[in-house]
Amino acid sequence: MVDDNLAYVAPWGFDLGKMRALVLFVYGGQDRVVPLSHGQWLERHVRSSELWVRPDDGHISVLSSGEAALEWLRT
């Protein structure tokens, strides 16, 4: 939890633009903890990423997308 909070105000220790692995960000449109704008920022900075927005999900209920995310990873 401390690392999560420090990530708001300190460098992460690596350049997001240099990531080569495929990355999937899944955000709930009703998330009141992490704003969608953060996911959009991450998608812009990680070249090999894809962003899914689940409009009816929140911060925790977005986990219901886990099966679809695993299928994305498998393919």
C-alpha atoms as a PDB file:
ATOM      1  CA  MET A   1       0.000   0.000   0.000  1.00  0.00           C
ATOM      2  CA  VAL A   2       2.897   2.346   0.714  1.00  0.00           C
ATOM      3  CA  ASP A   3       4.318   1.683  -2.774  1.00  0.00           C
ATOM      4  CA  ASP A   4       0.917   2.449  -4.313  1.00  0.00           C
ATOM      5  CA  ASN A   5       0.792   5.801  -2.560  1.00  0.00           C
ATOM      6  CA  LEU A   6       4.384   6.668  -3.455  1.00  0.00           C
ATOM      7  CA  ALA A   7       3.628   5.953  -7.114  1.00  0.00           C
ATOM      8  CA  TYR A   8       1.469   9.086  -7.124  1.00  0.00           C
ATOM      9  CA  VAL A   9       4.397  11.349  -6.312  1.00  0.00           C
ATOM     10  CA  ALA A  10       7.650   9.588  -7.236  1.00  0.00           C
ATOM     11  CA  PRO A  11       9.221   8.062 -10.351  1.00  0.00           C
ATOM     12  CA  TRP A  12       8.427   4.393 -10.913  1.00  0.00           C
ATOM     13  CA  GLY A  13      12.019   3.413 -11.670  1.00  0.00           C
ATOM     14  CA  PHE A  14      11.471   2.542 -15.337  1.00  0.00           C
ATOM     15  CA  ASP A  15      10.379   4.246 -18.559  1.00  0.00           C
ATOM     16  CA  LEU A  16       6.835   3.280 -19.556  1.00  0.00           C
ATOM     17  CA  GLY A  17       7.629   4.089 -23.176  1.00  0.00           C
ATOM     18  CA  LYS A  18      10.281   1.364 -23.276  1.00  0.00           C
ATOM     19  CA  MET A  19       7.941  -1.446 -22.254  1.00  0.00           C
ATOM     20  CA  ARG A  20       7.712  -4.097 -24.950  1.00  0.00           C
ATOM     21  CA  ALA A  21       5.357  -6.611 -23.374  1.00  0.00           C
ATOM     22  CA  LEU A  22       1.683  -6.416 -24.253  1.00  0.00           C
ATOM     23  CA  VAL A  23      -0.285  -4.761 -21.456  1.00  0.00           C
ATOM     24  CA  LEU A  24      -4.025  -4.715 -20.854  1.00  0.00           C
ATOM     25  CA  PHE A  25      -5.524  -2.026 -18.627  1.00  0.00           C
ATOM     26  CA  VAL A  26      -9.100  -2.681 -17.500  1.00  0.00           C
ATOM     27  CA  TYR A  27     -10.983   0.181 -15.856  1.00  0.00           C
ATOM     28  CA  GLY A  28     -14.440   0.504 -14.414  1.00  0.00           C
ATOM     29  CA  GLY A  29     -16.276   3.573 -15.640  1.00  0.00           C
ATOM     30  CA  GLN A  30     -17.783   4.008 -12.170  1.00  0.00           C
ATOM     31  CA  ASP A  31     -14.429   3.730 -10.358  1.00  0.00           C
ATOM     32  CA  ARG A  32     -14.264   6.344  -7.593  1.00  0.00           C
ATOM     33  CA  VAL A  33     -10.751   5.372  -6.468  1.00  0.00           C
ATOM     34  CA  VAL A  34      -8.681   5.652  -9.675  1.00  0.00           C
ATOM     35  CA  PRO A  35      -9.949   8.043 -12.351  1.00  0.00           C
ATOM     36  CA  LEU A  36     -10.321   6.849 -15.936  1.00  0.00           C
ATOM     37  CA  SER A  37      -7.975   9.639 -16.997  1.00  0.00           C
ATOM     38  CA  HIS A  38      -5.153   7.699 -15.313  1.00  0.00           C
ATOM     39  CA  GLY A  39      -5.870   4.626 -17.421  1.00  0.00           C
ATOM     40  CA  GLN A  40      -5.991   6.786 -20.530  1.00  0.00           C
ATOM     41  CA  TRP A  41      -2.657   8.343 -19.559  1.00  0.00           C
ATOM     42  CA  LEU A  42      -1.134   4.881 -19.081  1.00  0.00           C
ATOM     43  CA  GLU A  43      -2.448   3.729 -22.462  1.00  0.00           C
ATOM     44  CA  ARG A  44      -0.842   6.738 -24.160  1.00  0.00           C
ATOM     45  CA  HIS A  45       2.524   6.122 -22.477  1.00  0.00           C
ATOM     46  CA  VAL A  46       2.734   2.329 -22.842  1.00  0.00           C
ATOM     47  CA  ARG A  47       2.944   1.802 -26.596  1.00  0.00           C
ATOM     48  CA  SER A  48       2.073  -1.884 -26.442  1.00  0.00           C
ATOM     49  CA  SER A  49      -1.069  -1.447 -24.371  1.00  0.00           C
ATOM     50  CA  GLU A  50      -4.796  -1.708 -24.794  1.00  0.00           C
ATOM     51  CA  LEU A  51      -7.423  -0.087 -22.569  1.00  0.00           C
ATOM     52  CA  TRP A  52     -10.797  -1.636 -21.850  1.00  0.00           C
ATOM     53  CA  VAL A  53     -13.370   0.526 -20.132  1.00  0.00           C
ATOM     54  CA  ARG A  54     -16.240  -1.305 -18.450  1.00  0.00           C
ATOM     55  CA  PRO A  55     -18.764   1.543 -18.058  1.00  0.00           C
ATOM     56  CA  ASP A  56     -20.944  -0.115 -15.403  1.00  0.00           C
ATOM     57  CA  ASP A  57     -18.109  -1.420 -13.205  1.00  0.00           C
ATOM     58  CA  GLY A  58     -16.380   0.221 -10.284  1.00  0.00           C
ATOM     59  CA  HIS A  59     -12.981  -0.247  -8.685  1.00  0.00           C
ATOM     60  CA  ILE A  60     -13.691  -3.789  -7.454  1.00  0.00           C
ATOM     61  CA  SER A  61     -16.509  -4.991  -9.704  1.00  0.00           C
ATOM     62  CA  VAL A  62     -14.212  -4.580 -12.719  1.00  0.00           C
ATOM     63  CA  LEU A  63     -12.664  -7.845 -11.521  1.00  0.00           C
ATOM     64  CA  SER A  64     -15.642  -9.568 -13.145  1.00  0.00           C
ATOM     65  CA  SER A  65     -13.763  -8.940 -16.410  1.00  0.00           C
ATOM     66  CA  GLY A  66     -11.032 -11.310 -15.286  1.00  0.00           C
ATOM     67  CA  GLU A  67     -12.122 -14.192 -17.488  1.00  0.00           C
ATOM     68  CA  ALA A  68     -12.214 -11.988 -20.600  1.00  0.00           C
ATOM     69  CA  ALA A  69      -8.817 -10.518 -19.684  1.00  0.00           C
ATOM     70  CA  LEU A  70      -7.344 -14.005 -19.363  1.00  0.00           C
ATOM     71  CA  GLU A  71      -8.764 -14.876 -22.787  1.00  0.00           C
ATOM     72  CA  TRP A  72      -7.104 -11.701 -24.171  1.00  0.00           C
ATOM     73  CA  LEU A  73      -3.839 -12.860 -22.634  1.00  0.00           C
ATOM     74  CA  ARG A  74      -4.232 -16.370 -24.058  1.00  0.00           C
ATOM     75  CA  THR A  75      -4.735 -15.073 -27.608  1.00  0.00           C
END
